[in-house]
């Protein structure tokens, strides 16, 4: 969807809205975890963006990895 969103304004709007919703959810969880001492004190948005980037990167990797790198079933 990302590549299509680059050239389609409607998809871009949907992608941005979903990303914002996801980041807000993560930020709330991070704030709660920081209050309980389970997560390091740094800006919750920074942590949320980093987690999102890792998840996105792993998603692309899982999609593109070769059959030989996949676990055998």
N, C-alpha and C. Protein backbone atom coordinates (compact mmCIF):
# COMPACT_ATOMS: atom_id res chain seq x y z
N UNK A 1 0.81 -1.18 0.00
CA UNK A 1 0.00 0.00 0.00
C UNK A 1 0.87 1.26 0.00
N UNK A 2 2.06 1.19 0.60
CA UNK A 2 2.90 2.38 0.69
C UNK A 2 3.25 2.93 -0.69
N UNK A 3 3.66 2.05 -1.59
CA UNK A 3 4.07 2.54 -2.90
C UNK A 3 2.90 3.15 -3.66
N UNK A 4 1.74 2.59 -3.51
CA UNK A 4 0.55 3.15 -4.17
C UNK A 4 0.16 4.48 -3.55
N UNK A 5 0.34 4.61 -2.24
CA UNK A 5 -0.03 5.85 -1.55
C UNK A 5 0.81 7.03 -2.01
N UNK A 6 2.00 6.75 -2.53
CA UNK A 6 2.86 7.83 -3.02
C UNK A 6 2.25 8.55 -4.22
N UNK A 7 1.43 7.85 -4.99
CA UNK A 7 0.87 8.43 -6.22
C UNK A 7 -0.65 8.54 -6.18
N UNK A 8 -1.26 8.17 -5.06
CA UNK A 8 -2.72 8.21 -4.95
C UNK A 8 -3.08 8.99 -3.69
N UNK A 9 -3.66 10.17 -3.88
CA UNK A 9 -3.96 11.05 -2.75
C UNK A 9 -4.91 10.41 -1.75
N UNK A 10 -5.89 9.67 -2.23
CA UNK A 10 -6.85 9.03 -1.33
C UNK A 10 -6.18 7.97 -0.46
N UNK A 11 -5.36 7.13 -1.10
CA UNK A 11 -4.63 6.11 -0.33
C UNK A 11 -3.63 6.75 0.62
N UNK A 12 -3.01 7.83 0.19
CA UNK A 12 -2.06 8.54 1.05
C UNK A 12 -2.77 9.03 2.32
N UNK A 13 -3.95 9.58 2.15
CA UNK A 13 -4.73 10.07 3.28
C UNK A 13 -5.09 8.93 4.23
N UNK A 14 -5.51 7.80 3.68
CA UNK A 14 -5.84 6.63 4.50
C UNK A 14 -4.61 6.13 5.23
N UNK A 15 -3.49 6.04 4.52
CA UNK A 15 -2.24 5.54 5.12
C UNK A 15 -1.80 6.45 6.26
N UNK A 16 -1.86 7.75 6.06
CA UNK A 16 -1.45 8.69 7.10
C UNK A 16 -2.37 8.59 8.32
N UNK A 17 -3.66 8.47 8.08
CA UNK A 17 -4.62 8.35 9.19
C UNK A 17 -4.36 7.08 9.99
N UNK A 18 -4.13 5.98 9.31
CA UNK A 18 -3.85 4.70 10.00
C UNK A 18 -2.54 4.77 10.77
N UNK A 19 -1.54 5.37 10.17
CA UNK A 19 -0.24 5.50 10.85
C UNK A 19 -0.37 6.37 12.09
N UNK A 20 -1.12 7.45 11.98
CA UNK A 20 -1.33 8.32 13.14
C UNK A 20 -2.08 7.61 14.25
N UNK A 21 -3.11 6.88 13.87
CA UNK A 21 -3.89 6.12 14.86
C UNK A 21 -2.99 5.11 15.57
N UNK A 22 -2.19 4.38 14.83
CA UNK A 22 -1.29 3.37 15.37
C UNK A 22 -0.27 4.02 16.31
N UNK A 23 0.32 5.15 15.88
CA UNK A 23 1.31 5.82 16.71
C UNK A 23 0.70 6.35 18.01
N UNK A 24 -0.52 6.88 17.95
CA UNK A 24 -1.19 7.35 19.17
C UNK A 24 -1.45 6.19 20.13
N UNK A 25 -1.86 5.06 19.60
CA UNK A 25 -2.07 3.88 20.44
C UNK A 25 -0.76 3.48 21.11
N UNK A 26 0.31 3.40 20.33
CA UNK A 26 1.61 3.05 20.89
C UNK A 26 2.06 4.07 21.95
N UNK A 27 1.89 5.34 21.64
CA UNK A 27 2.29 6.38 22.59
C UNK A 27 1.57 6.23 23.93
N UNK A 28 0.29 5.92 23.89
CA UNK A 28 -0.46 5.70 25.12
C UNK A 28 0.07 4.53 25.92
N UNK A 29 0.37 3.45 25.23
CA UNK A 29 0.93 2.27 25.91
C UNK A 29 2.31 2.58 26.48
N UNK A 30 3.09 3.35 25.74
CA UNK A 30 4.44 3.71 26.19
C UNK A 30 4.36 4.59 27.43
N UNK A 31 3.47 5.57 27.44
CA UNK A 31 3.30 6.45 28.60
C UNK A 31 2.93 5.62 29.83
N UNK A 32 2.01 4.69 29.67
CA UNK A 32 1.62 3.82 30.79
C UNK A 32 2.81 3.01 31.28
N UNK A 33 3.59 2.48 30.35
CA UNK A 33 4.75 1.67 30.72
C UNK A 33 5.83 2.53 31.39
N UNK A 34 5.97 3.77 30.95
CA UNK A 34 6.94 4.67 31.58
C UNK A 34 6.51 4.99 33.01
N UNK A 35 5.23 5.21 33.23
CA UNK A 35 4.73 5.50 34.58
C UNK A 35 5.00 4.37 35.54
N UNK A 36 4.93 3.14 35.03
CA UNK A 36 5.17 1.98 35.89
C UNK A 36 6.65 1.61 35.97
N UNK A 37 7.50 2.33 35.23
CA UNK A 37 8.93 2.08 35.27
C UNK A 37 9.41 0.97 34.36
N UNK A 38 8.55 0.50 33.46
CA UNK A 38 8.92 -0.61 32.58
C UNK A 38 9.60 -0.17 31.28
N UNK A 39 9.53 1.12 30.97
CA UNK A 39 10.12 1.63 29.73
C UNK A 39 10.95 2.86 30.07
N UNK A 40 12.08 2.99 29.41
CA UNK A 40 12.99 4.11 29.63
C UNK A 40 12.28 5.45 29.42
N UNK A 41 12.73 6.46 30.15
CA UNK A 41 12.16 7.79 30.02
C UNK A 41 12.81 8.52 28.84
N UNK A 42 12.09 8.60 27.77
CA UNK A 42 12.43 9.41 26.61
C UNK A 42 11.10 9.76 25.95
N UNK A 43 11.07 10.68 25.03
CA UNK A 43 9.79 11.09 24.48
C UNK A 43 9.00 9.89 23.91
N UNK A 44 7.76 9.72 24.37
CA UNK A 44 6.95 8.59 23.91
C UNK A 44 6.80 8.56 22.39
N UNK A 45 6.70 9.72 21.76
CA UNK A 45 6.56 9.76 20.30
C UNK A 45 7.81 9.18 19.63
N UNK A 46 8.98 9.50 20.17
CA UNK A 46 10.23 8.96 19.61
C UNK A 46 10.23 7.45 19.68
N UNK A 47 9.87 6.91 20.83
CA UNK A 47 9.82 5.46 20.99
C UNK A 47 8.79 4.86 20.03
N UNK A 48 7.62 5.48 19.92
CA UNK A 48 6.57 4.97 19.03
C UNK A 48 7.02 4.96 17.58
N UNK A 49 7.71 6.02 17.16
CA UNK A 49 8.21 6.08 15.78
C UNK A 49 9.25 4.99 15.54
N UNK A 50 10.14 4.78 16.50
CA UNK A 50 11.16 3.73 16.35
C UNK A 50 10.53 2.34 16.29
N UNK A 51 9.56 2.08 17.17
CA UNK A 51 8.89 0.78 17.13
C UNK A 51 8.16 0.59 15.81
N UNK A 52 7.49 1.63 15.34
CA UNK A 52 6.78 1.55 14.05
C UNK A 52 7.74 1.27 12.91
N UNK A 53 8.90 1.92 12.93
CA UNK A 53 9.89 1.71 11.88
C UNK A 53 10.40 0.27 11.88
N UNK A 54 10.64 -0.28 13.05
CA UNK A 54 11.09 -1.68 13.15
C UNK A 54 10.02 -2.62 12.62
N UNK A 55 8.77 -2.39 13.03
CA UNK A 55 7.68 -3.25 12.57
C UNK A 55 7.52 -3.16 11.05
N UNK A 56 7.57 -1.94 10.51
CA UNK A 56 7.46 -1.78 9.06
C UNK A 56 8.61 -2.48 8.34
N UNK A 57 9.81 -2.31 8.85
CA UNK A 57 10.97 -2.97 8.24
C UNK A 57 10.87 -4.48 8.28
N UNK A 58 10.43 -5.02 9.41
CA UNK A 58 10.26 -6.47 9.52
C UNK A 58 9.14 -6.97 8.60
N UNK A 59 8.11 -6.16 8.42
CA UNK A 59 7.02 -6.54 7.52
C UNK A 59 7.52 -6.65 6.08
N UNK A 60 8.31 -5.66 5.66
CA UNK A 60 8.87 -5.70 4.30
C UNK A 60 9.81 -6.89 4.17
N UNK A 61 10.65 -7.11 5.16
CA UNK A 61 11.56 -8.25 5.13
C UNK A 61 10.79 -9.57 5.00
N UNK A 62 9.76 -9.73 5.81
CA UNK A 62 8.97 -10.97 5.77
C UNK A 62 8.32 -11.16 4.41
N UNK A 63 7.89 -10.07 3.80
CA UNK A 63 7.25 -10.15 2.50
C UNK A 63 8.25 -10.51 1.40
N UNK A 64 9.46 -9.98 1.49
CA UNK A 64 10.42 -10.13 0.40
C UNK A 64 11.45 -11.23 0.57
N UNK A 65 11.58 -11.78 1.75
CA UNK A 65 12.64 -12.77 1.95
C UNK A 65 12.44 -13.98 1.04
N UNK A 66 13.51 -14.61 0.73
CA UNK A 66 13.46 -15.75 -0.19
C UNK A 66 12.88 -16.98 0.49
N UNK A 67 12.44 -17.90 -0.30
CA UNK A 67 11.86 -19.14 0.22
C UNK A 67 12.87 -19.90 1.06
N UNK A 68 14.17 -19.81 0.73
CA UNK A 68 15.18 -20.54 1.49
C UNK A 68 15.36 -19.95 2.89
N UNK A 69 14.99 -18.71 3.09
CA UNK A 69 15.13 -18.08 4.42
C UNK A 69 13.92 -18.33 5.29
N UNK A 70 12.84 -18.86 4.71
CA UNK A 70 11.62 -19.10 5.50
C UNK A 70 11.78 -20.37 6.33
N UNK A 71 11.20 -20.38 7.50
CA UNK A 71 11.27 -21.60 8.33
C UNK A 71 10.53 -22.74 7.63
N UNK A 72 11.07 -23.93 7.80
CA UNK A 72 10.39 -25.09 7.21
C UNK A 72 9.17 -25.45 8.03
N UNK A 73 8.13 -25.93 7.34
CA UNK A 73 6.91 -26.26 8.06
C UNK A 73 6.77 -27.74 8.30
